[in-house]
Protein backbone atom coordinates (compact mmCIF):
# COMPACT_ATOMS: atom_id res chain seq x y z
CA UNK A 1 -10.21 -11.59 -25.72
CA UNK A 2 -7.57 -8.96 -25.11
CA UNK A 3 -8.96 -5.50 -25.29
CA UNK A 4 -9.82 -2.41 -23.30
CA UNK A 5 -12.66 -4.18 -21.47
CA UNK A 6 -10.35 -6.94 -20.24
CA UNK A 7 -7.69 -4.40 -19.24
CA UNK A 8 -10.25 -2.44 -17.23
CA UNK A 9 -11.43 -5.65 -15.58
CA UNK A 10 -7.88 -6.53 -14.50
CA UNK A 11 -7.28 -2.99 -13.20
CA UNK A 12 -10.44 -3.23 -11.11
CA UNK A 13 -8.96 -6.29 -9.39
CA UNK A 14 -5.69 -4.54 -8.45
CA UNK A 15 -5.40 -3.64 -4.77
CA UNK A 16 -3.31 -0.55 -4.12
CA UNK A 17 -1.48 -0.05 -0.83
CA UNK A 18 -0.24 3.16 0.77
CA UNK A 19 3.44 3.59 1.58
CA UNK A 20 2.61 3.11 5.27
CA UNK A 21 0.79 -0.17 4.53
CA UNK A 22 3.73 -1.43 2.44
CA UNK A 23 6.16 -0.47 5.21
CA UNK A 24 4.09 -2.36 7.79
CA UNK A 25 3.77 -5.39 5.52
CA UNK A 26 7.53 -5.51 4.86
CA UNK A 27 8.40 -4.45 8.42
CA UNK A 28 10.61 -1.57 7.24
CA UNK A 29 10.37 2.20 7.57
CA UNK A 30 8.36 4.37 5.21
CA UNK A 31 11.65 5.98 4.08
CA UNK A 32 12.87 2.55 2.91
CA UNK A 33 9.71 2.14 0.83
CA UNK A 34 10.21 5.61 -0.69
CA UNK A 35 13.81 4.69 -1.56
CA UNK A 36 12.65 1.49 -3.27
CA UNK A 37 10.01 3.41 -5.24
CA UNK A 38 12.35 6.23 -6.28
CA UNK A 39 15.09 3.74 -7.14
CA UNK A 40 12.74 1.86 -9.45
CA UNK A 41 12.94 -1.37 -7.46
CA UNK A 42 9.27 -1.19 -6.45
CA UNK A 43 6.51 -0.16 -8.86
CA UNK A 44 4.19 2.61 -7.74
CA UNK A 45 1.62 5.03 -9.07
CA UNK A 46 1.70 8.66 -8.06
CA UNK A 47 -1.67 9.99 -6.91
CA UNK A 48 -1.39 13.68 -6.20
CA UNK A 49 1.50 14.05 -3.78
CA UNK A 50 1.44 10.46 -2.52
CA UNK A 51 2.24 7.04 -3.93
CA UNK A 52 0.15 3.89 -4.19
CA UNK A 53 1.86 0.55 -4.64
CA UNK A 54 0.08 -2.36 -6.33
CA UNK A 55 -0.04 -5.27 -3.89
CA UNK A 56 1.31 -7.65 -6.53
CA UNK A 57 4.39 -5.41 -6.91
CA UNK A 58 5.23 -5.90 -3.23
CA UNK A 59 4.94 -9.69 -3.56
CA UNK A 60 7.05 -9.66 -6.74
CA UNK A 61 9.74 -7.58 -5.03
CA UNK A 62 9.83 -9.88 -2.01
CA UNK A 63 10.06 -13.02 -4.19
CA UNK A 64 13.02 -11.45 -6.01
CA UNK A 65 14.67 -10.46 -2.74
CA UNK A 66 14.45 -14.04 -1.47
CA UNK A 67 16.05 -15.45 -4.60
CA UNK A 68 18.91 -12.91 -4.43
CA UNK A 69 19.83 -13.82 -0.87
CA UNK A 70 19.30 -17.56 -1.09
């Protein structure tokens, strides 16, 4: 079953983080998070004048960062 109902169900499970929460989680400044978002390295959704980052996007970014440095 792959339809609008399943898509809505998956979206309901997504946890969105603020830029400040992402910065605290990654232990970087908020400006660094904004650079990652604007540079396309970190997925985000614009809500009004602020951004929300899906939690899974942060984990995906960090996994990729580990593999690039290792």
